[in-house]
């Protein structure tokens, strides 16, 4: 049996934080190893505890979630942070993804969706609320013209859209993981995207829509 997913819950509201921690901890494959009430507290505990997944609000006193996220990824770039917030603003979502979040969920999500998001984030998948994904796709649709990708870049982008990680893509295409990373960086630059999360949303939209990339 694999080790449980170690989770840190960050929220300034005691009732929300404690309730969420209890519900997550009730899952056999999830272990809540700590809680934090603001960004500064979160940074300290993340660096000390090294959780697999951090579930974090944006709006908190002293140091908000976005500021904390930026500092976390400067010191621990492999950290997997899922933002859980009431904010449906595009700017907050885009800023969160820019600073390295692997997920963005609204607090209107039910507990099953949150649990699923934690599990997906632990495996390296990107998790976005459906309505936020739709808005990102709408922004991509507004872009005039689309750059031409090579056949290999197209293959990799399609596999990204299916949720495969770098190792899985490399195994599928018989290329090294470092080569996959190089291709993904090239794709991000060609498509004028900010990061891997935006590339996955872009790929999912185009692939599922059956468009030629």
N, C-alpha and C. Protein backbone atom coordinates (compact mmCIF):
# COMPACT_ATOMS: atom_id res chain seq x y z
N UNK A 1 0.85 -1.20 0.00
CA UNK A 1 0.00 0.00 0.00
C UNK A 1 0.88 1.25 0.00
N UNK A 2 0.57 2.22 -0.87
CA UNK A 2 1.38 3.43 -0.97
C UNK A 2 1.16 4.32 0.24
N UNK A 3 2.12 5.20 0.48
CA UNK A 3 2.02 6.12 1.61
C UNK A 3 0.88 7.11 1.38
N UNK A 4 0.18 7.52 2.45
CA UNK A 4 -0.90 8.50 2.28
C UNK A 4 -0.36 9.86 1.83
N UNK A 5 -1.21 10.63 1.20
CA UNK A 5 -0.85 11.96 0.72
C UNK A 5 -0.79 12.90 1.93
N UNK A 6 0.35 13.53 2.14
CA UNK A 6 0.53 14.42 3.29
C UNK A 6 0.09 15.83 2.90
N UNK A 7 -0.90 16.35 3.63
CA UNK A 7 -1.54 17.62 3.25
C UNK A 7 -1.42 18.66 4.36
N UNK A 8 -1.16 19.90 3.94
CA UNK A 8 -1.20 21.05 4.85
C UNK A 8 -2.37 21.92 4.42
N UNK A 9 -3.23 22.30 5.38
CA UNK A 9 -4.41 23.13 5.10
C UNK A 9 -4.15 24.55 5.61
N UNK A 10 -4.32 25.54 4.73
CA UNK A 10 -4.02 26.93 5.09
C UNK A 10 -5.26 27.80 4.86
N UNK A 11 -5.80 28.35 5.96
CA UNK A 11 -6.98 29.22 5.88
C UNK A 11 -7.06 30.00 7.18
N UNK A 12 -7.43 31.28 7.09
CA UNK A 12 -7.46 32.09 8.31
C UNK A 12 -8.74 31.91 9.12
N UNK A 13 -9.74 31.25 8.55
CA UNK A 13 -10.98 30.99 9.29
C UNK A 13 -10.87 29.64 10.00
N UNK A 14 -10.88 29.67 11.32
CA UNK A 14 -10.67 28.46 12.11
C UNK A 14 -11.67 27.35 11.77
N UNK A 15 -12.95 27.73 11.66
CA UNK A 15 -14.00 26.73 11.42
C UNK A 15 -13.80 26.06 10.06
N UNK A 16 -13.52 26.88 9.05
CA UNK A 16 -13.30 26.35 7.69
C UNK A 16 -12.07 25.44 7.67
N UNK A 17 -10.98 25.92 8.25
CA UNK A 17 -9.72 25.17 8.23
C UNK A 17 -9.85 23.84 8.97
N UNK A 18 -10.43 23.90 10.17
CA UNK A 18 -10.56 22.68 10.98
C UNK A 18 -11.52 21.69 10.33
N UNK A 19 -12.64 22.20 9.82
CA UNK A 19 -13.62 21.32 9.17
C UNK A 19 -13.05 20.64 7.95
N UNK A 20 -12.32 21.40 7.15
CA UNK A 20 -11.71 20.86 5.94
C UNK A 20 -10.66 19.81 6.30
N UNK A 21 -9.86 20.12 7.31
CA UNK A 21 -8.82 19.18 7.74
C UNK A 21 -9.43 17.87 8.22
N UNK A 22 -10.52 17.95 8.97
CA UNK A 22 -11.18 16.75 9.49
C UNK A 22 -11.73 15.89 8.36
N UNK A 23 -12.37 16.53 7.38
CA UNK A 23 -12.96 15.78 6.27
C UNK A 23 -11.89 15.13 5.40
N UNK A 24 -10.80 15.83 5.18
CA UNK A 24 -9.70 15.26 4.39
C UNK A 24 -9.04 14.11 5.14
N UNK A 25 -8.84 14.31 6.44
CA UNK A 25 -8.15 13.31 7.26
C UNK A 25 -8.96 12.02 7.39
N UNK A 26 -10.26 12.10 7.11
CA UNK A 26 -11.10 10.91 7.21
C UNK A 26 -10.87 9.96 6.04
N UNK A 27 -10.19 10.45 4.99
CA UNK A 27 -9.89 9.60 3.84
C UNK A 27 -8.67 8.73 4.14
N UNK A 28 -8.76 7.46 3.78
CA UNK A 28 -7.69 6.52 4.10
C UNK A 28 -6.35 6.88 3.46
N UNK A 29 -6.41 7.52 2.29
CA UNK A 29 -5.16 7.81 1.56
C UNK A 29 -4.68 9.24 1.75
N UNK A 30 -5.29 9.97 2.70
CA UNK A 30 -4.88 11.36 2.95
C UNK A 30 -4.57 11.55 4.43
N UNK A 31 -3.46 12.20 4.71
CA UNK A 31 -3.06 12.47 6.10
C UNK A 31 -2.78 13.97 6.24
N UNK A 32 -3.64 14.68 6.98
CA UNK A 32 -3.42 16.11 7.21
C UNK A 32 -2.35 16.25 8.28
N UNK A 33 -1.19 16.77 7.89
CA UNK A 33 -0.04 16.82 8.80
C UNK A 33 0.09 18.17 9.50
N UNK A 34 -0.77 19.13 9.12
CA UNK A 34 -0.68 20.43 9.78
C UNK A 34 -1.67 21.43 9.23
N UNK A 35 -1.80 22.54 9.96
CA UNK A 35 -2.68 23.63 9.56
C UNK A 35 -1.93 24.94 9.75
N UNK A 36 -2.31 25.95 8.97
CA UNK A 36 -1.71 27.28 9.11
C UNK A 36 -2.81 28.32 8.91
N UNK A 37 -2.67 29.46 9.59
CA UNK A 37 -3.74 30.46 9.57
C UNK A 37 -3.41 31.70 8.74
N UNK A 38 -2.17 31.80 8.24
CA UNK A 38 -1.82 32.90 7.35
C UNK A 38 -0.61 32.51 6.51
N UNK A 39 -0.24 33.39 5.59
CA UNK A 39 0.85 33.07 4.67
C UNK A 39 2.18 32.84 5.33
N UNK A 40 2.53 33.66 6.32
CA UNK A 40 3.81 33.50 7.01
C UNK A 40 3.89 32.15 7.72
N UNK A 41 2.79 31.82 8.41
CA UNK A 41 2.73 30.53 9.12
C UNK A 41 2.83 29.38 8.12
N UNK A 42 2.18 29.55 6.97
CA UNK A 42 2.20 28.50 5.94
C UNK A 42 3.62 28.27 5.42
N UNK A 43 4.34 29.35 5.14
CA UNK A 43 5.70 29.22 4.61
C UNK A 43 6.59 28.45 5.59
N UNK A 44 6.50 28.81 6.87
CA UNK A 44 7.32 28.13 7.89
C UNK A 44 7.01 26.64 7.94
N UNK A 45 5.71 26.31 7.97
CA UNK A 45 5.32 24.91 8.12
C UNK A 45 5.60 24.10 6.85
N UNK A 46 5.47 24.72 5.69
CA UNK A 46 5.75 24.01 4.44
C UNK A 46 7.23 23.66 4.36
N UNK A 47 8.09 24.61 4.71
CA UNK A 47 9.53 24.36 4.67
C UNK A 47 9.95 23.32 5.70
N UNK A 48 9.24 23.29 6.83
CA UNK A 48 9.57 22.33 7.89
C UNK A 48 8.99 20.95 7.62
N UNK A 49 7.71 20.89 7.21
CA UNK A 49 7.00 19.61 7.09
C UNK A 49 7.09 18.98 5.70
N UNK A 50 7.36 19.79 4.67
CA UNK A 50 7.45 19.30 3.28
C UNK A 50 6.21 18.47 2.89
N UNK A 51 5.02 19.05 2.97
CA UNK A 51 3.81 18.30 2.61
C UNK A 51 3.78 17.96 1.12
N UNK A 52 3.02 16.93 0.76
CA UNK A 52 2.87 16.56 -0.65
C UNK A 52 1.98 17.57 -1.38
N UNK A 53 0.93 18.02 -0.68
CA UNK A 53 -0.02 18.97 -1.27
C UNK A 53 -0.37 20.03 -0.22
N UNK A 54 -0.45 21.28 -0.68
CA UNK A 54 -0.88 22.39 0.19
C UNK A 54 -2.20 22.92 -0.34
N UNK A 55 -3.21 22.96 0.50
CA UNK A 55 -4.51 23.51 0.14
C UNK A 55 -4.59 24.88 0.80
N UNK A 56 -4.63 25.96 0.00
CA UNK A 56 -4.43 27.29 0.58
C UNK A 56 -5.41 28.33 0.04
N UNK A 57 -5.93 29.14 0.96
CA UNK A 57 -6.80 30.26 0.61
C UNK A 57 -5.94 31.42 0.10
N UNK A 58 -6.58 32.38 -0.57
CA UNK A 58 -5.87 33.58 -1.03
C UNK A 58 -5.95 34.69 0.00
N UNK A 59 -7.16 34.96 0.48
CA UNK A 59 -7.37 36.12 1.34
C UNK A 59 -7.10 35.79 2.80
N UNK A 60 -5.92 36.20 3.28
CA UNK A 60 -5.53 35.96 4.66
C UNK A 60 -4.77 37.18 5.18
N UNK A 61 -4.78 37.40 6.49
CA UNK A 61 -4.07 38.56 7.05
C UNK A 61 -2.55 38.37 7.03
N UNK A 62 -1.84 39.48 7.22
CA UNK A 62 -0.37 39.50 7.34
C UNK A 62 0.34 39.17 6.02
N UNK A 63 0.02 38.02 5.45
CA UNK A 63 0.65 37.61 4.19
C UNK A 63 -0.39 36.78 3.44
N UNK A 64 -0.91 37.33 2.33
CA UNK A 64 -1.99 36.61 1.65
C UNK A 64 -1.47 35.40 0.87
N UNK A 65 -2.41 34.62 0.33
CA UNK A 65 -2.05 33.37 -0.32
C UNK A 65 -1.17 33.55 -1.55
N UNK A 66 -1.42 34.58 -2.35
CA UNK A 66 -0.62 34.79 -3.56
C UNK A 66 0.81 35.18 -3.22
N UNK A 67 0.95 36.05 -2.23
CA UNK A 67 2.29 36.45 -1.80
C UNK A 67 3.04 35.25 -1.22
N UNK A 68 2.32 34.46 -0.42
CA UNK A 68 2.93 33.26 0.17
C UNK A 68 3.32 32.27 -0.92
N UNK A 69 2.44 32.11 -1.90
CA UNK A 69 2.70 31.17 -3.00
C UNK A 69 3.99 31.53 -3.74
N UNK A 70 4.16 32.81 -4.00
CA UNK A 70 5.37 33.26 -4.70
C UNK A 70 6.62 32.92 -3.89
N UNK A 71 6.57 33.17 -2.58
CA UNK A 71 7.72 32.90 -1.72
C UNK A 71 7.97 31.40 -1.57
N UNK A 72 6.88 30.64 -1.51
CA UNK A 72 7.01 29.18 -1.38
C UNK A 72 7.76 28.61 -2.58
N UNK A 73 7.38 29.04 -3.77
CA UNK A 73 7.99 28.48 -4.98
C UNK A 73 9.39 29.01 -5.25
N UNK A 74 9.73 30.12 -4.61
CA UNK A 74 11.12 30.58 -4.69
C UNK A 74 12.02 29.66 -3.86
N UNK A 75 11.47 29.16 -2.75
CA UNK A 75 12.27 28.34 -1.83
C UNK A 75 12.04 26.84 -2.01
N UNK A 76 10.85 26.47 -2.50
CA UNK A 76 10.52 25.05 -2.66
C UNK A 76 9.72 24.89 -3.96
N UNK A 77 10.40 24.99 -5.11
CA UNK A 77 9.69 25.01 -6.40
C UNK A 77 8.87 23.76 -6.70
N UNK A 78 9.20 22.64 -6.04
CA UNK A 78 8.44 21.41 -6.30
C UNK A 78 7.14 21.33 -5.51
N UNK A 79 6.88 22.32 -4.64
CA UNK A 79 5.66 22.31 -3.82
C UNK A 79 4.41 22.32 -4.70
N UNK A 80 3.43 21.50 -4.34
CA UNK A 80 2.18 21.41 -5.09
C UNK A 80 1.09 22.13 -4.30
N UNK A 81 0.76 23.33 -4.75
CA UNK A 81 -0.21 24.16 -4.05
C UNK A 81 -1.52 24.23 -4.84
N UNK A 82 -2.61 23.91 -4.16
CA UNK A 82 -3.94 24.07 -4.74
C UNK A 82 -4.62 25.23 -4.02
N UNK A 83 -4.97 26.27 -4.77
CA UNK A 83 -5.66 27.41 -4.17
C UNK A 83 -7.14 27.07 -4.02
N UNK A 84 -7.67 27.30 -2.82
CA UNK A 84 -9.09 27.09 -2.53
C UNK A 84 -9.62 28.40 -1.99
N UNK A 85 -10.45 29.08 -2.77
CA UNK A 85 -10.82 30.45 -2.42
C UNK A 85 -12.23 30.80 -2.87
N UNK A 86 -12.73 31.93 -2.36
CA UNK A 86 -14.03 32.43 -2.82
C UNK A 86 -13.87 33.29 -4.06
N UNK A 87 -12.63 33.65 -4.39
CA UNK A 87 -12.39 34.57 -5.50
C UNK A 87 -12.51 33.89 -6.85
N UNK A 88 -13.45 34.38 -7.65
CA UNK A 88 -13.59 33.88 -9.01
C UNK A 88 -12.99 34.85 -10.02
N UNK A 89 -12.16 35.78 -9.55
CA UNK A 89 -11.57 36.77 -10.45
C UNK A 89 -10.50 36.14 -11.33
N UNK A 90 -10.55 36.45 -12.61
CA UNK A 90 -9.56 35.91 -13.54
C UNK A 90 -8.14 36.30 -13.13
N UNK A 91 -7.99 37.55 -12.65
CA UNK A 91 -6.65 38.03 -12.28
C UNK A 91 -6.03 37.18 -11.18
N UNK A 92 -6.85 36.80 -10.18
CA UNK A 92 -6.34 35.99 -9.08
C UNK A 92 -5.94 34.60 -9.56
N UNK A 93 -6.77 34.02 -10.42
CA UNK A 93 -6.46 32.69 -10.95
C UNK A 93 -5.17 32.73 -11.77
N UNK A 94 -5.06 33.69 -12.68
CA UNK A 94 -3.88 33.78 -13.54
C UNK A 94 -2.62 34.06 -12.73
N UNK A 95 -2.76 34.91 -11.72
CA UNK A 95 -1.61 35.20 -10.86
C UNK A 95 -1.20 33.96 -10.08
N UNK A 96 -2.18 33.21 -9.60
CA UNK A 96 -1.87 31.99 -8.86
C UNK A 96 -1.14 30.98 -9.73
N UNK A 97 -1.61 30.80 -10.97
CA UNK A 97 -0.95 29.88 -11.89
C UNK A 97 0.45 30.37 -12.25
N UNK A 98 0.57 31.68 -12.42
CA UNK A 98 1.88 32.27 -12.73
C UNK A 98 2.88 32.00 -11.61
N UNK A 99 2.41 32.06 -10.37
CA UNK A 99 3.30 31.85 -9.23
C UNK A 99 3.52 30.38 -8.91
N UNK A 100 2.92 29.48 -9.70
CA UNK A 100 3.25 28.06 -9.55
C UNK A 100 2.18 27.16 -8.97
N UNK A 101 0.97 27.67 -8.73
CA UNK A 101 -0.09 26.80 -8.21
C UNK A 101 -0.41 25.71 -9.23
N UNK A 102 -0.72 24.51 -8.74
CA UNK A 102 -1.10 23.41 -9.64
C UNK A 102 -2.61 23.26 -9.70
N UNK A 103 -3.32 24.09 -8.94
CA UNK A 103 -4.77 24.00 -8.95
C UNK A 103 -5.42 25.28 -8.46
N UNK A 104 -6.66 25.50 -8.90
CA UNK A 104 -7.43 26.67 -8.47
C UNK A 104 -8.88 26.24 -8.36
N UNK A 105 -9.37 26.14 -7.13
CA UNK A 105 -10.75 25.72 -6.88
C UNK A 105 -11.49 26.81 -6.13
N UNK A 106 -12.78 26.92 -6.41
CA UNK A 106 -13.61 27.85 -5.65
C UNK A 106 -14.17 27.12 -4.43
N UNK A 107 -14.44 27.88 -3.37
CA UNK A 107 -14.95 27.27 -2.14
C UNK A 107 -16.38 26.75 -2.29
N UNK A 108 -16.99 27.03 -3.43
CA UNK A 108 -18.30 26.45 -3.71
C UNK A 108 -18.19 24.98 -4.10
N UNK A 109 -16.96 24.50 -4.32
CA UNK A 109 -16.75 23.09 -4.66
C UNK A 109 -17.17 22.21 -3.49
N UNK A 110 -17.71 21.03 -3.79
CA UNK A 110 -18.09 20.13 -2.69
C UNK A 110 -16.87 19.35 -2.22
N UNK A 111 -17.01 18.66 -1.11
CA UNK A 111 -15.86 17.99 -0.50
C UNK A 111 -15.29 16.90 -1.40
N UNK A 112 -16.15 16.23 -2.16
CA UNK A 112 -15.66 15.19 -3.08
C UNK A 112 -14.75 15.80 -4.15
N UNK A 113 -15.11 16.98 -4.63
CA UNK A 113 -14.28 17.66 -5.64
C UNK A 113 -12.95 18.09 -5.04
N UNK A 114 -12.98 18.52 -3.79
CA UNK A 114 -11.74 18.95 -3.13
C UNK A 114 -10.82 17.75 -2.89
N UNK A 115 -11.40 16.64 -2.44
CA UNK A 115 -10.61 15.42 -2.22
C UNK A 115 -10.00 14.95 -3.53
N UNK A 116 -10.79 14.97 -4.59
CA UNK A 116 -10.28 14.57 -5.91
C UNK A 116 -9.14 15.48 -6.35
N UNK A 117 -9.29 16.78 -6.09
CA UNK A 117 -8.25 17.75 -6.46
C UNK A 117 -6.94 17.47 -5.72
N UNK A 118 -7.04 17.12 -4.45
CA UNK A 118 -5.84 16.80 -3.66
C UNK A 118 -5.13 15.58 -4.26
N UNK A 119 -5.91 14.57 -4.61
CA UNK A 119 -5.32 13.35 -5.19
C UNK A 119 -4.68 13.63 -6.54
N UNK A 120 -5.35 14.44 -7.36
CA UNK A 120 -4.80 14.77 -8.67
C UNK A 120 -3.52 15.60 -8.54
N UNK A 121 -3.55 16.57 -7.64
CA UNK A 121 -2.37 17.43 -7.44
C UNK A 121 -1.18 16.60 -6.97
N UNK A 122 -1.44 15.61 -6.13
CA UNK A 122 -0.35 14.77 -5.61
C UNK A 122 0.36 14.01 -6.72
N UNK A 123 -0.34 13.73 -7.81
CA UNK A 123 0.27 13.01 -8.94
C UNK A 123 0.82 13.96 -9.99
N UNK A 124 0.74 15.27 -9.71
CA UNK A 124 1.31 16.24 -10.64
C UNK A 124 0.33 16.79 -11.66
N UNK A 125 -0.95 16.44 -11.53
CA UNK A 125 -1.95 16.95 -12.47
C UNK A 125 -2.40 18.35 -12.06
N UNK A 126 -2.84 19.11 -13.05
CA UNK A 126 -3.35 20.46 -12.81
C UNK A 126 -4.86 20.38 -12.62
N UNK A 127 -5.37 21.09 -11.60
CA UNK A 127 -6.79 21.03 -11.26
C UNK A 127 -7.38 22.43 -11.28
N UNK A 128 -8.42 22.63 -12.09
CA UNK A 128 -9.10 23.93 -12.14
C UNK A 128 -10.60 23.72 -12.03
N UNK A 129 -11.29 24.66 -11.36
CA UNK A 129 -12.74 24.62 -11.34
C UNK A 129 -13.25 24.72 -12.77
N UNK A 130 -14.29 23.96 -13.12
CA UNK A 130 -14.78 23.94 -14.51
C UNK A 130 -15.07 25.32 -15.08
N UNK A 131 -15.71 26.20 -14.29
CA UNK A 131 -16.04 27.52 -14.82
C UNK A 131 -14.79 28.37 -15.04
N UNK A 132 -13.75 28.14 -14.22
CA UNK A 132 -12.49 28.88 -14.42
C UNK A 132 -11.79 28.37 -15.68
N UNK A 133 -11.87 27.07 -15.92
CA UNK A 133 -11.27 26.50 -17.14
C UNK A 133 -11.94 27.09 -18.37
N UNK A 134 -13.27 27.20 -18.32
CA UNK A 134 -14.01 27.74 -19.46
C UNK A 134 -13.58 29.18 -19.76
N UNK A 135 -13.32 29.94 -18.71
CA UNK A 135 -12.91 31.33 -18.92
C UNK A 135 -11.50 31.43 -19.48
N UNK A 136 -10.62 30.51 -19.06
CA UNK A 136 -9.28 30.48 -19.64
C UNK A 136 -9.36 30.14 -21.13
N UNK A 137 -10.19 29.15 -21.44
CA UNK A 137 -10.36 28.75 -22.84
C UNK A 137 -10.88 29.92 -23.66
N UNK A 138 -11.82 30.68 -23.09
CA UNK A 138 -12.38 31.83 -23.80
C UNK A 138 -11.28 32.84 -24.13
N UNK A 139 -10.34 33.02 -23.21
CA UNK A 139 -9.24 33.94 -23.47
C UNK A 139 -8.37 33.44 -24.61
N UNK A 140 -8.13 32.12 -24.66
CA UNK A 140 -7.33 31.56 -25.75
C UNK A 140 -8.03 31.76 -27.09
N UNK A 141 -9.36 31.60 -27.09
CA UNK A 141 -10.12 31.74 -28.33
C UNK A 141 -10.02 33.15 -28.90
N UNK A 142 -9.84 34.12 -28.00
CA UNK A 142 -9.79 35.50 -28.44
C UNK A 142 -8.46 35.86 -29.09
N UNK A 143 -7.45 35.01 -28.90
CA UNK A 143 -6.14 35.30 -29.47
C UNK A 143 -6.21 35.19 -31.00
N UNK A 144 -5.68 36.17 -31.66
CA UNK A 144 -5.70 36.17 -33.12
C UNK A 144 -4.58 35.28 -33.65
N UNK A 145 -4.96 34.28 -34.44
CA UNK A 145 -3.96 33.40 -35.05
C UNK A 145 -3.32 32.48 -34.04
N UNK A 146 -2.84 31.35 -34.52
CA UNK A 146 -2.18 30.38 -33.66
C UNK A 146 -0.89 29.93 -34.32
N UNK A 147 0.22 29.93 -33.59
CA UNK A 147 1.50 29.54 -34.18
C UNK A 147 1.50 28.06 -34.57
N UNK A 148 2.32 27.73 -35.54
CA UNK A 148 2.41 26.35 -36.00
C UNK A 148 3.40 25.58 -35.13
N UNK A 149 2.95 24.43 -34.64
CA UNK A 149 3.82 23.56 -33.85
C UNK A 149 4.32 22.42 -34.72
N UNK A 150 5.48 21.90 -34.37
CA UNK A 150 5.99 20.73 -35.09
C UNK A 150 5.13 19.52 -34.72
N UNK A 151 5.28 18.43 -35.49
CA UNK A 151 4.49 17.23 -35.21
C UNK A 151 4.81 16.67 -33.82
N UNK A 152 6.08 16.73 -33.41
CA UNK A 152 6.46 16.24 -32.09
C UNK A 152 5.89 17.13 -31.00
N UNK A 153 5.94 18.45 -31.20
CA UNK A 153 5.36 19.38 -30.22
C UNK A 153 3.86 19.16 -30.09
N UNK A 154 3.21 18.89 -31.22
CA UNK A 154 1.77 18.63 -31.21
C UNK A 154 1.46 17.36 -30.42
N UNK A 155 2.25 16.32 -30.63
CA UNK A 155 2.06 15.06 -29.89
C UNK A 155 2.16 15.30 -28.39
N UNK A 156 3.19 16.03 -28.00
CA UNK A 156 3.43 16.27 -26.57
C UNK A 156 2.32 17.14 -25.99
N UNK A 157 1.87 18.14 -26.73
CA UNK A 157 0.80 19.00 -26.24
C UNK A 157 -0.50 18.20 -26.07
N UNK A 158 -0.78 17.30 -27.00
CA UNK A 158 -1.98 16.47 -26.88
C UNK A 158 -1.91 15.56 -25.65
N UNK A 159 -0.74 15.01 -25.39
CA UNK A 159 -0.57 14.14 -24.22
C UNK A 159 -0.68 14.94 -22.93
N UNK A 160 -0.21 16.19 -22.96
CA UNK A 160 -0.39 17.08 -21.80
C UNK A 160 -1.88 17.27 -21.53
N UNK A 161 -2.63 17.49 -22.60
CA UNK A 161 -4.07 17.70 -22.46
C UNK A 161 -4.80 16.49 -21.90
N UNK A 162 -4.20 15.31 -22.08
CA UNK A 162 -4.80 14.08 -21.54
C UNK A 162 -4.40 13.85 -20.09
N UNK A 163 -3.53 14.73 -19.55
CA UNK A 163 -3.17 14.63 -18.14
C UNK A 163 -1.92 13.84 -17.84
N UNK A 164 -1.12 13.49 -18.87
CA UNK A 164 0.10 12.72 -18.62
C UNK A 164 1.19 13.62 -18.07
N UNK A 165 2.02 13.07 -17.17
CA UNK A 165 3.15 13.83 -16.66
C UNK A 165 4.36 13.61 -17.56
N UNK A 166 5.48 14.27 -17.25
CA UNK A 166 6.66 14.22 -18.12
C UNK A 166 7.19 12.79 -18.31
N UNK A 167 7.23 12.03 -17.23
CA UNK A 167 7.74 10.65 -17.32
C UNK A 167 6.85 9.81 -18.23
N UNK A 168 5.53 9.95 -18.06
CA UNK A 168 4.59 9.17 -18.87
C UNK A 168 4.68 9.57 -20.34
N UNK A 169 4.84 10.87 -20.60
CA UNK A 169 4.98 11.33 -21.99
C UNK A 169 6.26 10.76 -22.60
N UNK A 170 7.35 10.81 -21.83
CA UNK A 170 8.62 10.27 -22.32
C UNK A 170 8.53 8.79 -22.64
N UNK A 171 7.87 8.03 -21.76
CA UNK A 171 7.71 6.59 -21.99
C UNK A 171 6.86 6.32 -23.23
N UNK A 172 5.82 7.13 -23.40
CA UNK A 172 4.92 6.94 -24.55
C UNK A 172 5.64 7.22 -25.88
N UNK A 173 6.51 8.24 -25.86
CA UNK A 173 7.16 8.67 -27.11
C UNK A 173 8.60 8.18 -27.23
N UNK A 174 9.06 7.41 -26.22
CA UNK A 174 10.42 6.86 -26.22
C UNK A 174 11.48 7.95 -26.28
N UNK A 175 11.28 8.99 -25.47
CA UNK A 175 12.28 10.06 -25.35
C UNK A 175 12.52 10.32 -23.87
N UNK A 176 13.64 10.98 -23.55
CA UNK A 176 13.99 11.24 -22.16
C UNK A 176 13.12 12.33 -21.54
N UNK A 177 13.06 12.30 -20.20
CA UNK A 177 12.25 13.28 -19.48
C UNK A 177 12.77 14.70 -19.69
N UNK A 178 14.09 14.86 -19.77
CA UNK A 178 14.66 16.19 -19.99
C UNK A 178 14.29 16.71 -21.38
N UNK A 179 14.18 15.80 -22.35
CA UNK A 179 13.77 16.19 -23.70
C UNK A 179 12.32 16.65 -23.69
N UNK A 180 11.49 15.95 -22.91
CA UNK A 180 10.08 16.34 -22.79
C UNK A 180 9.99 17.75 -22.21
N UNK A 181 10.78 18.02 -21.16
CA UNK A 181 10.76 19.35 -20.55
C UNK A 181 11.15 20.43 -21.56
N UNK A 182 12.16 20.12 -22.38
CA UNK A 182 12.61 21.08 -23.40
C UNK A 182 11.49 21.38 -24.39
N UNK A 183 10.80 20.32 -24.83
CA UNK A 183 9.69 20.51 -25.77
C UNK A 183 8.57 21.34 -25.14
N UNK A 184 8.25 21.04 -23.87
CA UNK A 184 7.17 21.77 -23.21
C UNK A 184 7.51 23.25 -23.07
N UNK A 185 8.74 23.55 -22.71
CA UNK A 185 9.16 24.96 -22.63
C UNK A 185 9.06 25.65 -23.98
N UNK A 186 9.41 24.91 -25.04
CA UNK A 186 9.33 25.46 -26.39
C UNK A 186 7.87 25.73 -26.77
N UNK A 187 6.99 24.79 -26.41
CA UNK A 187 5.55 24.94 -26.69
C UNK A 187 5.00 26.16 -25.97
N UNK A 188 5.35 26.29 -24.69
CA UNK A 188 4.87 27.42 -23.88
C UNK A 188 5.29 28.75 -24.52
N UNK A 189 6.54 28.81 -24.97
CA UNK A 189 7.03 30.04 -25.60
C UNK A 189 6.33 30.31 -26.93
N UNK A 190 6.15 29.27 -27.74
CA UNK A 190 5.51 29.44 -29.04
C UNK A 190 4.07 29.91 -28.91
N UNK A 191 3.37 29.38 -27.92
CA UNK A 191 1.95 29.70 -27.74
C UNK A 191 1.74 30.93 -26.87
N UNK A 192 2.86 31.52 -26.43
CA UNK A 192 2.79 32.73 -25.59
C UNK A 192 1.99 32.47 -24.32
N UNK A 193 2.25 31.32 -23.70
CA UNK A 193 1.59 30.95 -22.45
C UNK A 193 2.52 31.25 -21.29
N UNK A 194 1.95 31.23 -20.08
CA UNK A 194 2.76 31.58 -18.90
C UNK A 194 3.45 30.37 -18.29
N UNK A 195 2.80 29.21 -18.33
CA UNK A 195 3.36 28.05 -17.65
C UNK A 195 2.67 26.77 -18.11
N UNK A 196 3.06 25.66 -17.49
CA UNK A 196 2.53 24.34 -17.84
C UNK A 196 1.01 24.26 -17.65
N UNK A 197 0.51 24.89 -16.59
CA UNK A 197 -0.93 24.83 -16.31
C UNK A 197 -1.73 25.40 -17.48
N UNK A 198 -1.29 26.55 -18.01
CA UNK A 198 -1.99 27.14 -19.14
C UNK A 198 -1.85 26.26 -20.38
N UNK A 199 -0.70 25.62 -20.54
CA UNK A 199 -0.50 24.73 -21.68
C UNK A 199 -1.47 23.55 -21.63
N UNK A 200 -1.71 23.03 -20.43
CA UNK A 200 -2.63 21.90 -20.27
C UNK A 200 -4.06 22.31 -20.61
N UNK A 201 -4.46 23.50 -20.13
CA UNK A 201 -5.81 23.99 -20.45
C UNK A 201 -5.95 24.21 -21.95
N UNK A 202 -4.94 24.82 -22.55
CA UNK A 202 -4.94 25.06 -24.00
C UNK A 202 -5.06 23.74 -24.75
N UNK A 203 -4.24 22.77 -24.34
CA UNK A 203 -4.23 21.46 -25.01
C UNK A 203 -5.56 20.75 -24.85
N UNK A 204 -6.11 20.78 -23.64
CA UNK A 204 -7.38 20.09 -23.39
C UNK A 204 -8.48 20.66 -24.27
N UNK A 205 -8.52 21.97 -24.41
CA UNK A 205 -9.54 22.61 -25.24
C UNK A 205 -9.39 22.21 -26.70
N UNK A 206 -8.18 22.34 -27.24
CA UNK A 206 -7.97 22.05 -28.65
C UNK A 206 -8.11 20.57 -28.95
N UNK A 207 -7.60 19.73 -28.06
CA UNK A 207 -7.64 18.29 -28.31
C UNK A 207 -9.08 17.78 -28.24
N UNK A 208 -9.80 18.19 -27.18
CA UNK A 208 -11.17 17.70 -27.00
C UNK A 208 -12.09 18.26 -28.07
N UNK A 209 -11.75 19.46 -28.57
CA UNK A 209 -12.57 20.06 -29.61
C UNK A 209 -12.27 19.46 -30.97
N UNK A 210 -11.23 18.62 -31.02
CA UNK A 210 -10.87 17.95 -32.27
C UNK A 210 -10.19 18.85 -33.27
N UNK A 211 -9.61 19.96 -32.79
CA UNK A 211 -8.95 20.89 -33.69
C UNK A 211 -7.55 20.39 -34.04
N UNK A 212 -7.10 20.77 -35.22
CA UNK A 212 -5.71 20.47 -35.59
C UNK A 212 -4.82 21.53 -34.99
N UNK A 213 -3.78 21.11 -34.28
CA UNK A 213 -2.90 22.06 -33.62
C UNK A 213 -1.78 22.49 -34.55
